[in-house]
Amino acid sequence: MEKEFKIGVITQPHGVRGEVKVFPTTDDPGRFKKLKSCILDTGKERTEVEIESVKFFKQFVIIKFKGFDSMNDVERLRQSELLVEREKAVKLSKDEYFIADLIGIEVFDENDVKIGEITDVMQTGANDVYVVDRGNGEEILLPAIKDCILNVDIENLKMTVHIMDGLI
């Protein structure tokens, strides 16, 4: 299981007071309002940074980190990732999972026959769709609905599904 989750990527400085424009990679950009700190990964080093202020502009989040007070301080942060530890991640409801935890899970049918492995999760408007690599160059798309997904065991990296007519 992943210990950290990427919640955003710094795109560029915003203004001259040390703010940065962040493209959120989380389902809930509003989570930045409650966040007090995060991990700044520049690719060369990782540092815990304290969040001083947060505001929103179009699809971006504008963040001011404590101790970064000018455009020069943040110019070098372009393309840096913002991460949170699992303990600081958004709390999930029952039957909700982090995408990072689903990637790599083996998928089995009701008869415990292996179907493949989840390689991607597509987020559609109605429900997520799991992309399952069958190992033979084929992929199947499984809708993340109760009729199809019977059990998800994150600890043992196993998912049990009901293959609906027409999926294979």
Protein backbone atom coordinates (compact mmCIF):
# COMPACT_ATOMS: atom_id res chain seq x y z
CA MET A 1 0.00 0.00 0.00
CA GLU A 2 1.09 3.50 -0.75
CA LYS A 3 2.40 5.48 2.24
CA GLU A 4 1.93 8.84 0.54
CA PHE A 5 -0.50 10.29 -1.95
CA LYS A 6 0.11 12.98 -4.54
CA ILE A 7 -2.44 15.77 -4.07
CA GLY A 8 -1.11 18.36 -6.49
CA VAL A 9 1.62 19.64 -8.78
CA ILE A 10 3.02 23.17 -8.66
CA THR A 11 2.67 24.73 -12.10
CA GLN A 12 4.19 28.19 -11.57
CA PRO A 13 4.61 31.11 -9.17
CA HIS A 14 1.51 33.24 -8.62
CA GLY A 15 2.23 36.90 -8.05
CA VAL A 16 5.27 38.29 -6.27
CA ARG A 17 4.56 37.34 -2.64
CA GLY A 18 5.69 33.71 -2.78
CA GLU A 19 2.41 32.06 -3.71
CA VAL A 20 2.30 29.13 -6.12
CA LYS A 21 -0.35 27.91 -8.53
CA VAL A 22 -1.10 24.23 -7.94
CA PHE A 23 -2.93 21.83 -10.23
CA PRO A 24 -4.83 19.55 -7.82
CA THR A 25 -4.62 15.80 -8.42
CA THR A 26 -7.12 14.98 -5.69
CA ASP A 27 -10.86 14.44 -6.11
CA ASP A 28 -11.55 17.11 -3.51
CA PRO A 29 -9.53 20.32 -4.00
CA GLY A 30 -11.38 21.74 -0.99
CA ARG A 31 -9.18 19.49 1.16
CA PHE A 32 -6.39 22.06 0.83
CA LYS A 33 -8.37 24.42 3.12
CA LYS A 34 -8.05 21.95 6.01
CA LEU A 35 -4.44 20.99 5.29
CA LYS A 36 -1.86 22.49 7.64
CA SER A 37 1.26 20.99 6.02
CA CYS A 38 2.36 18.70 3.22
CA ILE A 39 5.48 17.19 1.70
CA LEU A 40 7.13 19.18 -1.09
CA ASP A 41 8.95 16.86 -3.50
CA THR A 42 11.16 18.78 -5.93
CA GLY A 43 12.60 15.61 -7.43
CA LYS A 44 15.92 16.32 -5.72
CA GLU A 45 14.74 16.74 -2.16
CA ARG A 46 11.66 16.25 -0.01
CA THR A 47 10.70 18.79 2.63
CA GLU A 48 7.72 19.18 4.91
CA VAL A 49 6.23 22.64 4.33
CA GLU A 50 3.69 24.52 6.40
CA ILE A 51 0.72 25.96 4.52
CA GLU A 52 0.10 29.60 5.38
CA SER A 53 -2.88 30.33 3.12
CA VAL A 54 -5.04 28.75 0.45
CA LYS A 55 -7.37 30.25 -2.14
CA PHE A 56 -8.93 29.01 -5.34
CA PHE A 57 -8.67 30.35 -8.89
CA LYS A 58 -10.45 28.53 -11.73
CA GLN A 59 -9.27 24.90 -11.64
CA PHE A 60 -6.16 25.79 -9.61
CA VAL A 61 -5.35 26.12 -5.93
CA ILE A 62 -3.20 29.10 -4.93
CA ILE A 63 -0.99 28.20 -1.95
CA LYS A 64 1.35 30.27 0.19
CA PHE A 65 3.94 28.26 2.12
CA LYS A 66 5.41 29.64 5.33
CA GLY A 67 8.96 30.90 4.75
CA PHE A 68 8.53 31.36 1.00
CA ASP A 69 7.97 35.09 0.68
CA SER A 70 8.95 36.11 -2.85
CA MET A 71 8.65 34.94 -6.43
CA ASN A 72 12.37 34.09 -6.32
CA ASP A 73 11.75 31.70 -3.39
CA VAL A 74 9.17 29.68 -5.34
CA GLU A 75 10.45 29.95 -8.93
CA ARG A 76 12.51 26.76 -8.49
CA LEU A 77 9.43 24.81 -7.35
CA ARG A 78 7.86 24.46 -10.81
CA GLN A 79 6.67 20.88 -11.45
CA SER A 80 7.27 19.92 -7.80
CA GLU A 81 4.76 17.48 -6.35
CA LEU A 82 2.76 17.99 -3.17
CA LEU A 83 2.22 14.82 -1.15
CA VAL A 84 0.43 13.85 2.03
CA GLU A 85 1.07 10.89 4.27
CA ARG A 86 -1.66 8.26 4.40
CA GLU A 87 -2.55 9.38 7.94
CA LYS A 88 -3.35 12.89 6.66
CA ALA A 89 -5.32 11.66 3.65
CA VAL A 90 -9.03 12.30 3.27
CA LYS A 91 -11.09 9.80 5.24
CA LEU A 92 -12.93 7.40 2.98
CA SER A 93 -16.46 6.10 3.33
CA LYS A 94 -17.30 2.40 3.35
CA ASP A 95 -16.60 0.81 -0.05
CA GLU A 96 -14.37 3.70 -1.15
CA TYR A 97 -10.71 3.12 -1.97
CA PHE A 98 -7.72 5.17 -2.97
CA ILE A 99 -6.89 4.65 -6.64
CA ALA A 100 -3.24 4.11 -5.69
CA ASP A 101 -4.33 1.14 -3.55
CA LEU A 102 -6.34 -0.43 -6.38
CA ILE A 103 -3.59 -0.40 -9.00
CA GLY A 104 -1.95 -3.83 -9.06
CA ILE A 105 -4.77 -5.69 -7.33
CA GLU A 106 -5.49 -9.12 -8.81
CA VAL A 107 -9.05 -9.64 -10.00
CA PHE A 108 -10.86 -12.98 -9.64
CA ASP A 109 -14.35 -14.12 -10.61
CA GLU A 110 -16.82 -15.77 -8.23
CA ASN A 111 -15.24 -19.19 -8.90
CA ASP A 112 -11.82 -17.84 -7.83
CA VAL A 113 -10.51 -17.91 -11.42
CA LYS A 114 -8.01 -15.14 -12.04
CA ILE A 115 -9.20 -12.62 -14.61
CA GLY A 116 -6.26 -10.22 -14.49
CA GLU A 117 -4.83 -7.22 -12.70
CA ILE A 118 -6.08 -3.64 -12.33
CA THR A 119 -3.80 -1.29 -14.26
CA ASP A 120 -5.87 1.89 -14.24
CA VAL A 121 -9.03 3.48 -12.90
CA MET A 122 -11.08 5.67 -15.22
CA GLN A 123 -13.23 8.24 -13.48
CA THR A 124 -16.48 8.78 -15.32
CA GLY A 125 -19.40 10.89 -14.19
CA ALA A 126 -21.59 8.02 -13.00
CA ASN A 127 -19.08 5.55 -11.54
CA ASP A 128 -15.44 4.59 -11.79
CA VAL A 129 -14.36 1.95 -14.28
CA TYR A 130 -11.53 -0.47 -13.50
CA VAL A 131 -9.19 -1.32 -16.37
CA VAL A 132 -8.14 -4.96 -15.98
CA ASP A 133 -5.17 -6.33 -17.94
CA ARG A 134 -5.87 -9.98 -18.74
CA GLY A 135 -2.18 -10.73 -19.28
CA ASN A 136 -2.68 -11.77 -22.90
CA GLY A 137 -2.74 -8.30 -24.41
CA GLU A 138 -6.46 -7.90 -23.77
CA GLU A 139 -8.13 -5.52 -21.35
CA ILE A 140 -11.60 -5.55 -19.92
CA LEU A 141 -13.44 -2.66 -18.34
CA LEU A 142 -15.29 -3.36 -15.12
CA PRO A 143 -17.79 -0.82 -13.80
CA ALA A 144 -17.26 -0.09 -10.10
CA ILE A 145 -20.83 -0.91 -9.13
CA LYS A 146 -22.19 -3.27 -6.47
CA ASP A 147 -23.62 -5.66 -9.09
CA CYS A 148 -20.12 -6.21 -10.47
CA ILE A 149 -17.65 -5.68 -7.59
CA LEU A 150 -18.39 -8.26 -4.91
CA ASN A 151 -15.41 -7.86 -2.57
CA VAL A 152 -12.26 -5.76 -2.35
CA ASP A 153 -9.47 -6.94 -0.05
CA ILE A 154 -6.81 -4.21 -0.09
CA GLU A 155 -4.65 -6.04 2.48
CA ASN A 156 -4.35 -9.18 0.33
CA LEU A 157 -4.45 -7.32 -3.02
CA LYS A 158 -7.47 -9.28 -4.20
CA MET A 159 -10.78 -8.26 -5.76
CA THR A 160 -13.67 -10.62 -6.40
CA VAL A 161 -16.08 -9.67 -9.18
CA HIS A 162 -19.18 -10.86 -10.95
CA ILE A 163 -18.62 -10.76 -14.70
CA MET A 164 -21.78 -9.33 -16.18
CA ASP A 165 -22.96 -10.49 -19.61
CA GLY A 166 -21.08 -8.83 -22.44
CA LEU A 167 -18.00 -7.77 -20.45
CA ILE A 168 -15.79 -10.61 -21.69
